[in-house]
Amino acid sequence: MTPRNKHPMRRSLDTTALRRMAGARSYARGEEYYAQGRVRSLAGHDGTITAKVRCRYE
């Protein structure tokens, strides 16, 4: 996984806006998943960002 500060999508993300759109709780959960190495892919399309996240039970 690419380090967070070097991920290609980082340039296009406004973390303040993302936190506001996702809500503080969901944003924090996403940050936790990323820190745990569970985020497997990120994709952006038509203003939507999606991620594949590995279940912690796998």
PDB file of N, CA and C in Angstrom:
ATOM      1  N   MET A   1       0.855  -1.181   0.000  1.00  0.00           N
ATOM      2  CA  MET A   1       0.000   0.000   0.000  1.00  0.00           C
ATOM      3  C   MET A   1       0.897   1.239   0.000  1.00  0.00           C
ATOM      4  N   THR A   2       0.519   2.208  -0.764  1.00  0.00           N
ATOM      5  CA  THR A   2       1.261   3.453  -0.833  1.00  0.00           C
ATOM      6  C   THR A   2       1.079   4.232   0.462  1.00  0.00           C
ATOM      7  N   PRO A   3       2.149   4.796   1.032  1.00  0.00           N
ATOM      8  CA  PRO A   3       1.980   5.620   2.232  1.00  0.00           C
ATOM      9  C   PRO A   3       0.970   6.735   1.982  1.00  0.00           C
ATOM     10  N   ARG A   4       0.194   7.064   2.997  1.00  0.00           N
ATOM     11  CA  ARG A   4      -0.890   8.026   2.867  1.00  0.00           C
ATOM     12  C   ARG A   4      -0.443   9.347   2.240  1.00  0.00           C
ATOM     13  N   ASN A   5       0.674   9.888   2.665  1.00  0.00           N
ATOM     14  CA  ASN A   5       1.092  11.187   2.150  1.00  0.00           C
ATOM     15  C   ASN A   5       1.618  11.124   0.716  1.00  0.00           C
ATOM     16  N   LYS A   6       1.811   9.922   0.158  1.00  0.00           N
ATOM     17  CA  LYS A   6       2.297   9.794  -1.211  1.00  0.00           C
ATOM     18  C   LYS A   6       1.269   9.179  -2.142  1.00  0.00           C
ATOM     19  N   HIS A   7       0.081   8.886  -1.638  1.00  0.00           N
ATOM     20  CA  HIS A   7      -0.957   8.271  -2.472  1.00  0.00           C
ATOM     21  C   HIS A   7      -1.375   9.260  -3.559  1.00  0.00           C
ATOM     22  N   PRO A   8      -1.530   8.806  -4.819  1.00  0.00           N
ATOM     23  CA  PRO A   8      -1.892   9.693  -5.924  1.00  0.00           C
ATOM     24  C   PRO A   8      -3.179  10.477  -5.698  1.00  0.00           C
ATOM     25  N   MET A   9      -4.145   9.901  -4.988  1.00  0.00           N
ATOM     26  CA  MET A   9      -5.410  10.614  -4.753  1.00  0.00           C
ATOM     27  C   MET A   9      -5.257  11.730  -3.733  1.00  0.00           C
ATOM     28  N   ARG A  10      -4.193  11.713  -2.970  1.00  0.00           N
ATOM     29  CA  ARG A  10      -3.971  12.715  -1.929  1.00  0.00           C
ATOM     30  C   ARG A  10      -4.008  14.139  -2.495  1.00  0.00           C
ATOM     31  N   ARG A  11      -3.472  14.303  -3.708  1.00  0.00           N
ATOM     32  CA  ARG A  11      -3.441  15.635  -4.322  1.00  0.00           C
ATOM     33  C   ARG A  11      -4.829  16.188  -4.577  1.00  0.00           C
ATOM     34  N   SER A  12      -5.806  15.311  -4.810  1.00  0.00           N
ATOM     35  CA  SER A  12      -7.137  15.783  -5.163  1.00  0.00           C
ATOM     36  C   SER A  12      -8.109  15.788  -3.986  1.00  0.00           C
ATOM     37  N   LEU A  13      -7.659  15.354  -2.812  1.00  0.00           N
ATOM     38  CA  LEU A  13      -8.549  15.288  -1.665  1.00  0.00           C
ATOM     39  C   LEU A  13      -8.400  16.510  -0.766  1.00  0.00           C
ATOM     40  N   ASP A  14      -9.496  17.078  -0.410  1.00  0.00           N
ATOM     41  CA  ASP A  14      -9.540  18.141   0.584  1.00  0.00           C
ATOM     42  C   ASP A  14     -10.053  17.469   1.857  1.00  0.00           C
ATOM     43  N   THR A  15      -9.149  17.199   2.802  1.00  0.00           N
ATOM     44  CA  THR A  15      -9.538  16.417   3.974  1.00  0.00           C
ATOM     45  C   THR A  15     -10.614  17.084   4.812  1.00  0.00           C
ATOM     46  N   THR A  16     -10.633  18.408   4.835  1.00  0.00           N
ATOM     47  CA  THR A  16     -11.683  19.106   5.586  1.00  0.00           C
ATOM     48  C   THR A  16     -13.045  18.844   4.961  1.00  0.00           C
ATOM     49  N   ALA A  17     -13.124  18.953   3.642  1.00  0.00           N
ATOM     50  CA  ALA A  17     -14.389  18.699   2.944  1.00  0.00           C
ATOM     51  C   ALA A  17     -14.779  17.231   3.062  1.00  0.00           C
ATOM     52  N   LEU A  18     -13.809  16.347   2.942  1.00  0.00           N
ATOM     53  CA  LEU A  18     -14.086  14.919   3.050  1.00  0.00           C
ATOM     54  C   LEU A  18     -14.624  14.574   4.441  1.00  0.00           C
ATOM     55  N   ARG A  19     -14.022  15.133   5.476  1.00  0.00           N
ATOM     56  CA  ARG A  19     -14.477  14.900   6.846  1.00  0.00           C
ATOM     57  C   ARG A  19     -15.904  15.409   7.032  1.00  0.00           C
ATOM     58  N   ARG A  20     -16.194  16.558   6.450  1.00  0.00           N
ATOM     59  CA  ARG A  20     -17.542  17.142   6.558  1.00  0.00           C
ATOM     60  C   ARG A  20     -18.566  16.271   5.826  1.00  0.00           C
ATOM     61  N   MET A  21     -18.220  15.783   4.634  1.00  0.00           N
ATOM     62  CA  MET A  21     -19.155  14.960   3.865  1.00  0.00           C
ATOM     63  C   MET A  21     -19.371  13.587   4.495  1.00  0.00           C
ATOM     64  N   ALA A  22     -18.303  12.996   5.014  1.00  0.00           N
ATOM     65  CA  ALA A  22     -18.408  11.649   5.575  1.00  0.00           C
ATOM     66  C   ALA A  22     -18.959  11.658   6.994  1.00  0.00           C
ATOM     67  N   GLY A  23     -18.743  12.739   7.692  1.00  0.00           N
ATOM     68  CA  GLY A  23     -19.084  12.796   9.112  1.00  0.00           C
ATOM     69  C   GLY A  23     -17.857  12.414   9.919  1.00  0.00           C
ATOM     70  N   ALA A  24     -17.721  13.001  11.078  1.00  0.00           N
ATOM     71  CA  ALA A  24     -16.520  12.813  11.892  1.00  0.00           C
ATOM     72  C   ALA A  24     -16.292  11.344  12.244  1.00  0.00           C
ATOM     73  N   ARG A  25     -17.340  10.639  12.602  1.00  0.00           N
ATOM     74  CA  ARG A  25     -17.202   9.236  13.021  1.00  0.00           C
ATOM     75  C   ARG A  25     -16.735   8.346  11.866  1.00  0.00           C
ATOM     76  N   SER A  26     -17.371   8.480  10.706  1.00  0.00           N
ATOM     77  CA  SER A  26     -16.989   7.673   9.544  1.00  0.00           C
ATOM     78  C   SER A  26     -15.584   8.017   9.074  1.00  0.00           C
ATOM     79  N   TYR A  27     -15.253   9.298   9.098  1.00  0.00           N
ATOM     80  CA  TYR A  27     -13.915   9.717   8.685  1.00  0.00           C
ATOM     81  C   TYR A  27     -12.858   9.100   9.607  1.00  0.00           C
ATOM     82  N   ALA A  28     -13.090   9.159  10.898  1.00  0.00           N
ATOM     83  CA  ALA A  28     -12.149   8.591  11.870  1.00  0.00           C
ATOM     84  C   ALA A  28     -12.015   7.083  11.671  1.00  0.00           C
ATOM     85  N   ARG A  29     -13.119   6.414  11.389  1.00  0.00           N
ATOM     86  CA  ARG A  29     -13.074   4.968  11.147  1.00  0.00           C
ATOM     87  C   ARG A  29     -12.231   4.672   9.901  1.00  0.00           C
ATOM     88  N   GLY A  30     -12.411   5.464   8.850  1.00  0.00           N
ATOM     89  CA  GLY A  30     -11.607   5.292   7.640  1.00  0.00           C
ATOM     90  C   GLY A  30     -10.127   5.511   7.896  1.00  0.00           C
ATOM     91  N   GLU A  31      -9.801   6.513   8.681  1.00  0.00           N
ATOM     92  CA  GLU A  31      -8.404   6.765   9.047  1.00  0.00           C
ATOM     93  C   GLU A  31      -7.828   5.570   9.803  1.00  0.00           C
ATOM     94  N   GLU A  32      -8.623   4.995  10.691  1.00  0.00           N
ATOM     95  CA  GLU A  32      -8.185   3.835  11.465  1.00  0.00           C
ATOM     96  C   GLU A  32      -7.947   2.633  10.547  1.00  0.00           C
ATOM     97  N   TYR A  33      -8.875   2.391   9.628  1.00  0.00           N
ATOM     98  CA  TYR A  33      -8.714   1.290   8.680  1.00  0.00           C
ATOM     99  C   TYR A  33      -7.436   1.463   7.872  1.00  0.00           C
ATOM    100  N   TYR A  34      -7.177   2.681   7.433  1.00  0.00           N
ATOM    101  CA  TYR A  34      -5.983   2.949   6.639  1.00  0.00           C
ATOM    102  C   TYR A  34      -4.722   2.696   7.467  1.00  0.00           C
ATOM    103  N   ALA A  35      -4.711   3.184   8.701  1.00  0.00           N
ATOM    104  CA  ALA A  35      -3.553   3.008   9.579  1.00  0.00           C
ATOM    105  C   ALA A  35      -3.290   1.525   9.861  1.00  0.00           C
ATOM    106  N   GLN A  36      -4.343   0.727   9.880  1.00  0.00           N
ATOM    107  CA  GLN A  36      -4.215  -0.709  10.130  1.00  0.00           C
ATOM    108  C   GLN A  36      -3.823  -1.487   8.868  1.00  0.00           C
ATOM    109  N   GLY A  37      -3.718  -0.792   7.737  1.00  0.00           N
ATOM    110  CA  GLY A  37      -3.356  -1.451   6.484  1.00  0.00           C
ATOM    111  C   GLY A  37      -4.498  -2.229   5.861  1.00  0.00           C
ATOM    112  N   ARG A  38      -5.734  -1.899   6.219  1.00  0.00           N
ATOM    113  CA  ARG A  38      -6.882  -2.650   5.728  1.00  0.00           C
ATOM    114  C   ARG A  38      -7.459  -2.109   4.423  1.00  0.00           C
ATOM    115  N   VAL A  39      -7.079  -0.898   4.032  1.00  0.00           N
ATOM    116  CA  VAL A  39      -7.586  -0.326   2.784  1.00  0.00           C
ATOM    117  C   VAL A  39      -6.804  -0.936   1.639  1.00  0.00           C
ATOM    118  N   ARG A  40      -7.510  -1.604   0.744  1.00  0.00           N
ATOM    119  CA  ARG A  40      -6.860  -2.322  -0.353  1.00  0.00           C
ATOM    120  C   ARG A  40      -6.833  -1.532  -1.650  1.00  0.00           C
ATOM    121  N   SER A  41      -7.811  -0.676  -1.868  1.00  0.00           N
ATOM    122  CA  SER A  41      -7.802   0.137  -3.082  1.00  0.00           C
ATOM    123  C   SER A  41      -8.680   1.351  -2.886  1.00  0.00           C
ATOM    124  N   LEU A  42      -8.338   2.405  -3.578  1.00  0.00           N
ATOM    125  CA  LEU A  42      -9.135   3.634  -3.608  1.00  0.00           C
ATOM    126  C   LEU A  42      -9.400   3.961  -5.065  1.00  0.00           C
ATOM    127  N   ALA A  43     -10.607   4.452  -5.329  1.00  0.00           N
ATOM    128  CA  ALA A  43     -10.938   4.852  -6.691  1.00  0.00           C
ATOM    129  C   ALA A  43     -11.848   6.069  -6.641  1.00  0.00           C
ATOM    130  N   GLY A  44     -11.646   6.962  -7.558  1.00  0.00           N
ATOM    131  CA  GLY A  44     -12.493   8.136  -7.670  1.00  0.00           C
ATOM    132  C   GLY A  44     -13.145   8.172  -9.043  1.00  0.00           C
ATOM    133  N   HIS A  45     -14.438   8.503  -9.060  1.00  0.00           N
ATOM    134  CA  HIS A  45     -15.170   8.580 -10.323  1.00  0.00           C
ATOM    135  C   HIS A  45     -16.385   9.472 -10.140  1.00  0.00           C
ATOM    136  N   ASP A  46     -16.520  10.474 -11.000  1.00  0.00           N
ATOM    137  CA  ASP A  46     -17.673  11.391 -10.972  1.00  0.00           C
ATOM    138  C   ASP A  46     -17.948  11.961  -9.586  1.00  0.00           C
ATOM    139  N   GLY A  47     -16.896  12.378  -8.889  1.00  0.00           N
ATOM    140  CA  GLY A  47     -17.066  13.017  -7.594  1.00  0.00           C
ATOM    141  C   GLY A  47     -17.314  12.065  -6.437  1.00  0.00           C
ATOM    142  N   THR A  48     -17.175  10.768  -6.682  1.00  0.00           N
ATOM    143  CA  THR A  48     -17.376   9.765  -5.640  1.00  0.00           C
ATOM    144  C   THR A  48     -16.062   9.031  -5.397  1.00  0.00           C
ATOM    145  N   ILE A  49     -15.761   8.773  -4.151  1.00  0.00           N
ATOM    146  CA  ILE A  49     -14.576   8.013  -3.799  1.00  0.00           C
ATOM    147  C   ILE A  49     -15.032   6.718  -3.156  1.00  0.00           C
ATOM    148  N   THR A  50     -14.492   5.617  -3.627  1.00  0.00           N
ATOM    149  CA  THR A  50     -14.807   4.322  -3.039  1.00  0.00           C
ATOM    150  C   THR A  50     -13.510   3.634  -2.622  1.00  0.00           C
ATOM    151  N   ALA A  51     -13.641   2.753  -1.653  1.00  0.00           N
ATOM    152  CA  ALA A  51     -12.481   1.997  -1.186  1.00  0.00           C
ATOM    153  C   ALA A  51     -12.892   0.561  -0.927  1.00  0.00           C
ATOM    154  N   LYS A  52     -11.951  -0.339  -1.147  1.00  0.00           N
ATOM    155  CA  LYS A  52     -12.139  -1.729  -0.741  1.00  0.00           C
ATOM    156  C   LYS A  52     -11.351  -1.897   0.544  1.00  0.00           C
ATOM    157  N   VAL A  53     -12.029  -2.392   1.568  1.00  0.00           N
ATOM    158  CA  VAL A  53     -11.421  -2.523   2.881  1.00  0.00           C
ATOM    159  C   VAL A  53     -11.491  -3.980   3.314  1.00  0.00           C
ATOM    160  N   ARG A  54     -10.358  -4.506   3.725  1.00  0.00           N
ATOM    161  CA  ARG A  54     -10.285  -5.889   4.187  1.00  0.00           C
ATOM    162  C   ARG A  54     -10.945  -6.010   5.554  1.00  0.00           C
ATOM    163  N   CYS A  55     -11.743  -7.028   5.709  1.00  0.00           N
ATOM    164  CA  CYS A  55     -12.392  -7.318   6.984  1.00  0.00           C
ATOM    165  C   CYS A  55     -11.326  -7.705   7.997  1.00  0.00           C
ATOM    166  N   ARG A  56     -11.464  -7.310   9.219  1.00  0.00           N
ATOM    167  CA  ARG A  56     -10.450  -7.636  10.222  1.00  0.00           C
ATOM    168  C   ARG A  56     -10.436  -9.116  10.577  1.00  0.00           C
ATOM    169  N   TYR A  57     -11.450  -9.858  10.170  1.00  0.00           N
ATOM    170  CA  TYR A  57     -11.544 -11.280  10.492  1.00  0.00           C
ATOM    171  C   TYR A  57     -10.897 -12.160   9.449  1.00  0.00           C
ATOM    172  N   GLU A  58     -10.398 -11.573   8.369  1.00  0.00           N
ATOM    173  CA  GLU A  58      -9.769 -12.377   7.308  1.00  0.00           C
ATOM    174  C   GLU A  58      -8.399 -12.821   7.704  1.00  0.00           C
TER     175      GLU A  58
END
